[in-house]
């Protein structure tokens, strides 16, 4: 996802909505298609993750306006931060 964030930032700064679409795609719902992994994860985590993937898919729809792209990306990274704050792997 971080690669997509970086790509969206670069493309958004140029106002290049086609490049935003390309950069966001790998972090979208296509990334979430692993039923075996999904079965192991808590339902609340899955809901947050799926919302985040959907947000990446809808990001290109905001158009070429850099401010709108940044606002959309800000909402997405807010979800990332919420997930990382709530869920952590403990190394034992």
C-alpha atoms as a PDB file:
ATOM      1  CA  UNK A   1       0.000   0.000   0.000  1.00  0.00           C
ATOM      2  CA  UNK A   2       2.823   2.382   0.743  1.00  0.00           C
ATOM      3  CA  UNK A   3       4.039   2.112  -2.860  1.00  0.00           C
ATOM      4  CA  UNK A   4       0.566   3.135  -4.001  1.00  0.00           C
ATOM      5  CA  UNK A   5       0.537   6.074  -1.578  1.00  0.00           C
ATOM      6  CA  UNK A   6       3.874   7.271  -2.958  1.00  0.00           C
ATOM      7  CA  UNK A   7       2.724   6.854  -6.548  1.00  0.00           C
ATOM      8  CA  UNK A   8      -0.529   8.721  -5.872  1.00  0.00           C
ATOM      9  CA  UNK A   9       1.392  11.578  -4.260  1.00  0.00           C
ATOM     10  CA  UNK A  10       3.730  11.941  -7.227  1.00  0.00           C
ATOM     11  CA  UNK A  11       0.924  11.665  -9.797  1.00  0.00           C
ATOM     12  CA  UNK A  12      -1.388  13.913  -7.803  1.00  0.00           C
ATOM     13  CA  UNK A  13       1.229  16.633  -7.587  1.00  0.00           C
ATOM     14  CA  UNK A  14       1.263  16.650 -11.391  1.00  0.00           C
ATOM     15  CA  UNK A  15      -2.545  16.523 -11.593  1.00  0.00           C
ATOM     16  CA  UNK A  16      -2.216  13.332 -13.628  1.00  0.00           C
ATOM     17  CA  UNK A  17      -5.443  11.425 -12.921  1.00  0.00           C
ATOM     18  CA  UNK A  18      -4.467   8.558 -15.254  1.00  0.00           C
ATOM     19  CA  UNK A  19      -1.268   8.011 -13.258  1.00  0.00           C
ATOM     20  CA  UNK A  20      -3.251   8.286  -9.995  1.00  0.00           C
ATOM     21  CA  UNK A  21      -5.479   5.444 -11.238  1.00  0.00           C
ATOM     22  CA  UNK A  22      -2.456   3.305 -12.125  1.00  0.00           C
ATOM     23  CA  UNK A  23      -0.736   3.997  -8.792  1.00  0.00           C
ATOM     24  CA  UNK A  24      -3.858   3.335  -6.689  1.00  0.00           C
ATOM     25  CA  UNK A  25      -4.929   0.118  -8.441  1.00  0.00           C
ATOM     26  CA  UNK A  26      -2.499  -2.308  -6.699  1.00  0.00           C
ATOM     27  CA  UNK A  27      -3.792  -1.232  -3.274  1.00  0.00           C
ATOM     28  CA  UNK A  28      -7.444  -1.594  -4.265  1.00  0.00           C
ATOM     29  CA  UNK A  29      -9.806  -4.528  -3.876  1.00  0.00           C
ATOM     30  CA  UNK A  30      -7.650  -6.739  -6.104  1.00  0.00           C
ATOM     31  CA  UNK A  31      -5.112  -6.782  -3.259  1.00  0.00           C
ATOM     32  CA  UNK A  32      -7.771  -8.024  -0.847  1.00  0.00           C
ATOM     33  CA  UNK A  33      -8.633 -11.215  -2.715  1.00  0.00           C
ATOM     34  CA  UNK A  34      -7.166 -13.898  -0.431  1.00  0.00           C
ATOM     35  CA  UNK A  35      -9.969 -15.951   1.182  1.00  0.00           C
ATOM     36  CA  UNK A  36      -7.540 -18.119   3.171  1.00  0.00           C
ATOM     37  CA  UNK A  37      -6.005 -15.086   4.842  1.00  0.00           C
ATOM     38  CA  UNK A  38      -9.397 -13.451   5.360  1.00  0.00           C
ATOM     39  CA  UNK A  39     -10.581 -16.491   7.324  1.00  0.00           C
ATOM     40  CA  UNK A  40      -7.791 -15.931   9.870  1.00  0.00           C
ATOM     41  CA  UNK A  41      -8.435 -12.236  10.501  1.00  0.00           C
ATOM     42  CA  UNK A  42     -10.889 -10.594  12.922  1.00  0.00           C
ATOM     43  CA  UNK A  43     -14.122  -9.301  11.359  1.00  0.00           C
ATOM     44  CA  UNK A  44     -13.480  -5.729  12.537  1.00  0.00           C
ATOM     45  CA  UNK A  45     -10.040  -5.777  10.938  1.00  0.00           C
ATOM     46  CA  UNK A  46     -11.491  -7.116   7.696  1.00  0.00           C
ATOM     47  CA  UNK A  47     -14.137  -4.382   7.584  1.00  0.00           C
ATOM     48  CA  UNK A  48     -11.517  -1.670   8.027  1.00  0.00           C
ATOM     49  CA  UNK A  49      -9.198  -3.270   5.484  1.00  0.00           C
ATOM     50  CA  UNK A  50     -11.920  -3.662   2.866  1.00  0.00           C
ATOM     51  CA  UNK A  51     -13.019  -0.048   3.340  1.00  0.00           C
ATOM     52  CA  UNK A  52      -9.412   1.022   2.813  1.00  0.00           C
ATOM     53  CA  UNK A  53      -9.049  -1.049  -0.373  1.00  0.00           C
ATOM     54  CA  UNK A  54     -12.338   0.369  -1.707  1.00  0.00           C
ATOM     55  CA  UNK A  55     -11.093   3.883  -0.953  1.00  0.00           C
ATOM     56  CA  UNK A  56      -8.005   3.260  -3.084  1.00  0.00           C
ATOM     57  CA  UNK A  57     -10.266   2.047  -5.903  1.00  0.00           C
ATOM     58  CA  UNK A  58     -12.409   5.192  -5.725  1.00  0.00           C
ATOM     59  CA  UNK A  59      -9.514   7.661  -5.395  1.00  0.00           C
ATOM     60  CA  UNK A  60      -9.080   8.256  -9.151  1.00  0.00           C
ATOM     61  CA  UNK A  61     -12.713   9.423  -9.350  1.00  0.00           C
ATOM     62  CA  UNK A  62     -11.840  12.648  -7.519  1.00  0.00           C
ATOM     63  CA  UNK A  63     -10.300  13.912 -10.764  1.00  0.00           C
ATOM     64  CA  UNK A  64      -7.043  15.687 -11.518  1.00  0.00           C
ATOM     65  CA  UNK A  65      -7.333  18.351  -8.811  1.00  0.00           C
ATOM     66  CA  UNK A  66      -4.262  17.954  -6.574  1.00  0.00           C
ATOM     67  CA  UNK A  67      -6.097  19.210  -3.476  1.00  0.00           C
ATOM     68  CA  UNK A  68      -8.906  16.671  -3.952  1.00  0.00           C
ATOM     69  CA  UNK A  69      -6.395  13.856  -4.487  1.00  0.00           C
ATOM     70  CA  UNK A  70      -4.520  14.836  -1.325  1.00  0.00           C
ATOM     71  CA  UNK A  71      -7.759  15.040   0.660  1.00  0.00           C
ATOM     72  CA  UNK A  72      -8.748  11.563  -0.533  1.00  0.00           C
ATOM     73  CA  UNK A  73      -5.315  10.200   0.267  1.00  0.00           C
ATOM     74  CA  UNK A  74      -5.515  11.836   3.694  1.00  0.00           C
ATOM     75  CA  UNK A  75      -8.753   9.949   4.393  1.00  0.00           C
ATOM     76  CA  UNK A  76      -7.121   6.705   3.272  1.00  0.00           C
ATOM     77  CA  UNK A  77      -4.015   7.137   5.407  1.00  0.00           C
ATOM     78  CA  UNK A  78      -6.282   7.990   8.343  1.00  0.00           C
ATOM     79  CA  UNK A  79      -7.753   4.500   7.958  1.00  0.00           C
ATOM     80  CA  UNK A  80      -4.255   3.043   7.769  1.00  0.00           C
ATOM     81  CA  UNK A  81      -3.279   4.799  10.989  1.00  0.00           C
ATOM     82  CA  UNK A  82      -6.459   3.648  12.747  1.00  0.00           C
ATOM     83  CA  UNK A  83      -5.780   0.048  11.782  1.00  0.00           C
ATOM     84  CA  UNK A  84      -2.137   0.188  12.848  1.00  0.00           C
ATOM     85  CA  UNK A  85      -3.166   1.739  16.176  1.00  0.00           C
ATOM     86  CA  UNK A  86      -5.718  -1.010  16.887  1.00  0.00           C
ATOM     87  CA  UNK A  87      -3.968  -4.100  15.518  1.00  0.00           C
ATOM     88  CA  UNK A  88      -0.386  -5.165  16.105  1.00  0.00           C
ATOM     89  CA  UNK A  89       1.533  -8.382  15.844  1.00  0.00           C
ATOM     90  CA  UNK A  90       3.415  -9.257  18.972  1.00  0.00           C
ATOM     91  CA  UNK A  91       6.818 -10.858  18.574  1.00  0.00           C
ATOM     92  CA  UNK A  92       7.501 -13.352  21.315  1.00  0.00           C
END
